[in-house]
Amino acid sequence: MAVDPNSEITNMDGDVALPRTNGELVFEAPWEGRAFGVAVALNEQGAYPWRSFRDALVDSIAADDAAGKPTTYYERWLESLEVLLIEEGLVTKEELDARAAEYESGERDDDWDPDHHVHHLSL
């Protein structure tokens, strides 16, 4: 029997279980699917063990719940990914803030074309 290499990801349960409908992953917006994909791809490339991401997600959910902070699953997912990337030294908070500012200002959007923009930040 073949073992699913992503079973640790797909079989998360409890508060960290992936949102599903009829067994299929559910993404309410395109960014959610991208955030999911980035976290999985970085794990598959060996950037961090999945357990580290899962632990960050557990911590994010617990902190938001304790604070009564109304957030969605994938907002917590993205927050966890950002924390882990900073902790692992893969990106700095300043780089994340700069990228977020690009989106907020409209300088960068979902249809961003690097050949037509001056700033090139790598994540």
C-alpha atoms as a PDB file:
ATOM      1  CA  MET A   1       0.000   0.000   0.000  1.00  0.00           C
ATOM      2  CA  ALA A   2       1.409   3.384  -1.006  1.00  0.00           C
ATOM      3  CA  VAL A   3       1.704   6.002   1.703  1.00  0.00           C
ATOM      4  CA  ASP A   4       0.464   9.484   0.897  1.00  0.00           C
ATOM      5  CA  PRO A   5       3.490  11.756   1.411  1.00  0.00           C
ATOM      6  CA  ASN A   6       1.139  14.594   2.345  1.00  0.00           C
ATOM      7  CA  SER A   7      -0.970  12.583   4.798  1.00  0.00           C
ATOM      8  CA  GLU A   8       0.374  14.624   7.717  1.00  0.00           C
ATOM      9  CA  ILE A   9      -1.031  17.702   5.957  1.00  0.00           C
ATOM     10  CA  THR A  10      -4.284  16.290   4.634  1.00  0.00           C
ATOM     11  CA  ASN A  11      -5.144  14.438   7.837  1.00  0.00           C
ATOM     12  CA  MET A  12      -4.838  17.305  10.309  1.00  0.00           C
ATOM     13  CA  ASP A  13      -7.753  17.173  12.705  1.00  0.00           C
ATOM     14  CA  GLY A  14      -9.453  19.226  15.381  1.00  0.00           C
ATOM     15  CA  ASP A  15      -9.167  23.008  15.202  1.00  0.00           C
ATOM     16  CA  VAL A  16      -6.422  22.776  12.561  1.00  0.00           C
ATOM     17  CA  ALA A  17      -8.373  20.504  10.196  1.00  0.00           C
ATOM     18  CA  LEU A  18      -8.506  21.877   6.669  1.00  0.00           C
ATOM     19  CA  PRO A  19     -11.914  23.298   5.665  1.00  0.00           C
ATOM     20  CA  ARG A  20     -13.731  20.831   3.441  1.00  0.00           C
ATOM     21  CA  THR A  21     -17.069  20.321   1.756  1.00  0.00           C
ATOM     22  CA  ASN A  22     -17.896  16.802   0.619  1.00  0.00           C
ATOM     23  CA  GLY A  23     -14.277  15.834   1.218  1.00  0.00           C
ATOM     24  CA  GLU A  24     -12.874  18.574  -1.044  1.00  0.00           C
ATOM     25  CA  LEU A  25     -10.754  21.467   0.208  1.00  0.00           C
ATOM     26  CA  VAL A  26     -12.659  24.747   0.326  1.00  0.00           C
ATOM     27  CA  PHE A  27     -11.085  28.114  -0.472  1.00  0.00           C
ATOM     28  CA  GLU A  28     -13.310  31.194  -0.229  1.00  0.00           C
ATOM     29  CA  ALA A  29     -10.873  33.400  -2.168  1.00  0.00           C
ATOM     30  CA  PRO A  30      -7.933  32.809  -4.516  1.00  0.00           C
ATOM     31  CA  TRP A  31      -5.394  34.026  -1.942  1.00  0.00           C
ATOM     32  CA  GLU A  32      -6.434  31.233   0.417  1.00  0.00           C
ATOM     33  CA  GLY A  33      -5.525  28.558  -2.118  1.00  0.00           C
ATOM     34  CA  ARG A  34      -2.225  30.299  -2.805  1.00  0.00           C
ATOM     35  CA  ALA A  35      -1.402  30.526   0.920  1.00  0.00           C
ATOM     36  CA  PHE A  36      -2.191  26.825   1.262  1.00  0.00           C
ATOM     37  CA  GLY A  37      -0.026  25.988  -1.744  1.00  0.00           C
ATOM     38  CA  VAL A  38       2.922  28.076  -0.563  1.00  0.00           C
ATOM     39  CA  ALA A  39       2.923  26.443   2.873  1.00  0.00           C
ATOM     40  CA  VAL A  40       2.744  22.943   1.384  1.00  0.00           C
ATOM     41  CA  ALA A  41       5.357  23.635  -1.322  1.00  0.00           C
ATOM     42  CA  LEU A  42       7.843  25.098   1.152  1.00  0.00           C
ATOM     43  CA  ASN A  43       7.402  22.075   3.388  1.00  0.00           C
ATOM     44  CA  GLU A  44       7.905  19.720   0.444  1.00  0.00           C
ATOM     45  CA  GLN A  45      11.116  21.616  -0.437  1.00  0.00           C
ATOM     46  CA  GLY A  46      12.416  21.048   3.095  1.00  0.00           C
ATOM     47  CA  ALA A  47      12.126  24.645   4.308  1.00  0.00           C
ATOM     48  CA  TYR A  48      10.564  23.424   7.566  1.00  0.00           C
ATOM     49  CA  PRO A  49       8.985  20.294   9.017  1.00  0.00           C
ATOM     50  CA  TRP A  50       5.196  20.192   8.738  1.00  0.00           C
ATOM     51  CA  ARG A  51       4.943  19.729  12.486  1.00  0.00           C
ATOM     52  CA  SER A  52       6.454  23.222  12.936  1.00  0.00           C
ATOM     53  CA  PHE A  53       3.785  24.725  10.682  1.00  0.00           C
ATOM     54  CA  ARG A  54       1.015  22.797  12.416  1.00  0.00           C
ATOM     55  CA  ASP A  55       2.257  23.947  15.841  1.00  0.00           C
ATOM     56  CA  ALA A  56       2.298  27.581  14.638  1.00  0.00           C
ATOM     57  CA  LEU A  57      -1.269  27.144  13.362  1.00  0.00           C
ATOM     58  CA  VAL A  58      -2.398  25.656  16.689  1.00  0.00           C
ATOM     59  CA  ASP A  59      -0.805  28.618  18.510  1.00  0.00           C
ATOM     60  CA  SER A  60      -2.443  31.142  16.156  1.00  0.00           C
ATOM     61  CA  ILE A  61      -5.882  29.594  16.574  1.00  0.00           C
ATOM     62  CA  ALA A  62      -5.525  29.482  20.362  1.00  0.00           C
ATOM     63  CA  ALA A  63      -4.308  33.092  20.580  1.00  0.00           C
ATOM     64  CA  ASP A  64      -7.075  34.428  18.324  1.00  0.00           C
ATOM     65  CA  ASP A  65      -9.725  32.442  20.181  1.00  0.00           C
ATOM     66  CA  ALA A  66      -8.437  33.605  23.581  1.00  0.00           C
ATOM     67  CA  ALA A  67      -8.453  37.218  22.389  1.00  0.00           C
ATOM     68  CA  GLY A  68     -11.900  36.844  20.841  1.00  0.00           C
ATOM     69  CA  LYS A  69     -10.354  37.931  17.551  1.00  0.00           C
ATOM     70  CA  PRO A  70     -12.704  37.130  14.660  1.00  0.00           C
ATOM     71  CA  THR A  71     -10.507  35.622  11.956  1.00  0.00           C
ATOM     72  CA  THR A  72     -10.973  33.037   9.253  1.00  0.00           C
ATOM     73  CA  TYR A  73      -9.138  29.745   9.041  1.00  0.00           C
ATOM     74  CA  TYR A  74      -6.882  30.933   6.224  1.00  0.00           C
ATOM     75  CA  GLU A  75      -6.128  34.256   7.925  1.00  0.00           C
ATOM     76  CA  ARG A  76      -4.772  32.128  10.760  1.00  0.00           C
ATOM     77  CA  TRP A  77      -3.008  29.900   8.207  1.00  0.00           C
ATOM     78  CA  LEU A  78      -1.287  32.908   6.620  1.00  0.00           C
ATOM     79  CA  GLU A  79      -0.362  34.363  10.005  1.00  0.00           C
ATOM     80  CA  SER A  80       1.184  31.017  10.970  1.00  0.00           C
ATOM     81  CA  LEU A  81       3.104  30.824   7.717  1.00  0.00           C
ATOM     82  CA  GLU A  82       4.463  34.348   8.185  1.00  0.00           C
ATOM     83  CA  VAL A  83       5.574  33.613  11.758  1.00  0.00           C
ATOM     84  CA  LEU A  84       7.281  30.390  10.701  1.00  0.00           C
ATOM     85  CA  LEU A  85       9.041  31.973   7.713  1.00  0.00           C
ATOM     86  CA  ILE A  86      10.428  34.705   9.957  1.00  0.00           C
ATOM     87  CA  GLU A  87      11.474  32.211  12.661  1.00  0.00           C
ATOM     88  CA  GLU A  88      13.212  30.019  10.070  1.00  0.00           C
ATOM     89  CA  GLY A  89      15.040  33.052   8.650  1.00  0.00           C
ATOM     90  CA  LEU A  90      13.521  32.594   5.201  1.00  0.00           C
ATOM     91  CA  VAL A  91      12.151  36.142   5.115  1.00  0.00           C
ATOM     92  CA  THR A  92      12.266  39.181   7.367  1.00  0.00           C
ATOM     93  CA  LYS A  93       9.321  41.030   8.850  1.00  0.00           C
ATOM     94  CA  GLU A  94      10.445  44.057   6.844  1.00  0.00           C
ATOM     95  CA  GLU A  95      10.277  42.078   3.590  1.00  0.00           C
ATOM     96  CA  LEU A  96       6.781  40.841   4.447  1.00  0.00           C
ATOM     97  CA  ASP A  97       5.677  44.366   5.373  1.00  0.00           C
ATOM     98  CA  ALA A  98       7.089  45.729   2.101  1.00  0.00           C
ATOM     99  CA  ARG A  99       5.234  43.100   0.066  1.00  0.00           C
ATOM    100  CA  ALA A 100       1.979  43.771   1.953  1.00  0.00           C
ATOM    101  CA  ALA A 101       2.408  47.516   1.299  1.00  0.00           C
ATOM    102  CA  GLU A 102       2.765  46.809  -2.429  1.00  0.00           C
ATOM    103  CA  TYR A 103      -0.597  45.038  -2.438  1.00  0.00           C
ATOM    104  CA  GLU A 104      -2.250  47.660  -0.249  1.00  0.00           C
ATOM    105  CA  SER A 105      -1.070  50.502  -2.496  1.00  0.00           C
ATOM    106  CA  GLY A 106      -2.163  48.702  -5.663  1.00  0.00           C
ATOM    107  CA  GLU A 107       1.422  48.564  -6.932  1.00  0.00           C
ATOM    108  CA  ARG A 108       1.080  44.774  -6.951  1.00  0.00           C
ATOM    109  CA  ASP A 109      -2.062  42.716  -7.424  1.00  0.00           C
ATOM    110  CA  ASP A 110      -3.104  39.173  -8.304  1.00  0.00           C
ATOM    111  CA  ASP A 111      -2.251  39.839 -11.952  1.00  0.00           C
ATOM    112  CA  TRP A 112       1.197  41.210 -11.150  1.00  0.00           C
ATOM    113  CA  ASP A 113       3.639  41.030 -14.036  1.00  0.00           C
ATOM    114  CA  PRO A 114       7.277  41.412 -12.904  1.00  0.00           C
ATOM    115  CA  ASP A 115       8.304  42.678 -16.357  1.00  0.00           C
ATOM    116  CA  HIS A 116       6.169  45.790 -15.887  1.00  0.00           C
ATOM    117  CA  HIS A 117       7.110  46.715 -12.307  1.00  0.00           C
ATOM    118  CA  VAL A 118      10.231  48.223 -10.852  1.00  0.00           C
ATOM    119  CA  HIS A 119      10.303  46.543  -7.438  1.00  0.00           C
ATOM    120  CA  HIS A 120      11.286  42.894  -7.249  1.00  0.00           C
ATOM    121  CA  LEU A 121      11.027  41.294  -3.827  1.00  0.00           C
ATOM    122  CA  SER A 122      11.520  37.585  -3.603  1.00  0.00           C
ATOM    123  CA  LEU A 123       9.583  35.411  -1.199  1.00  0.00           C
END
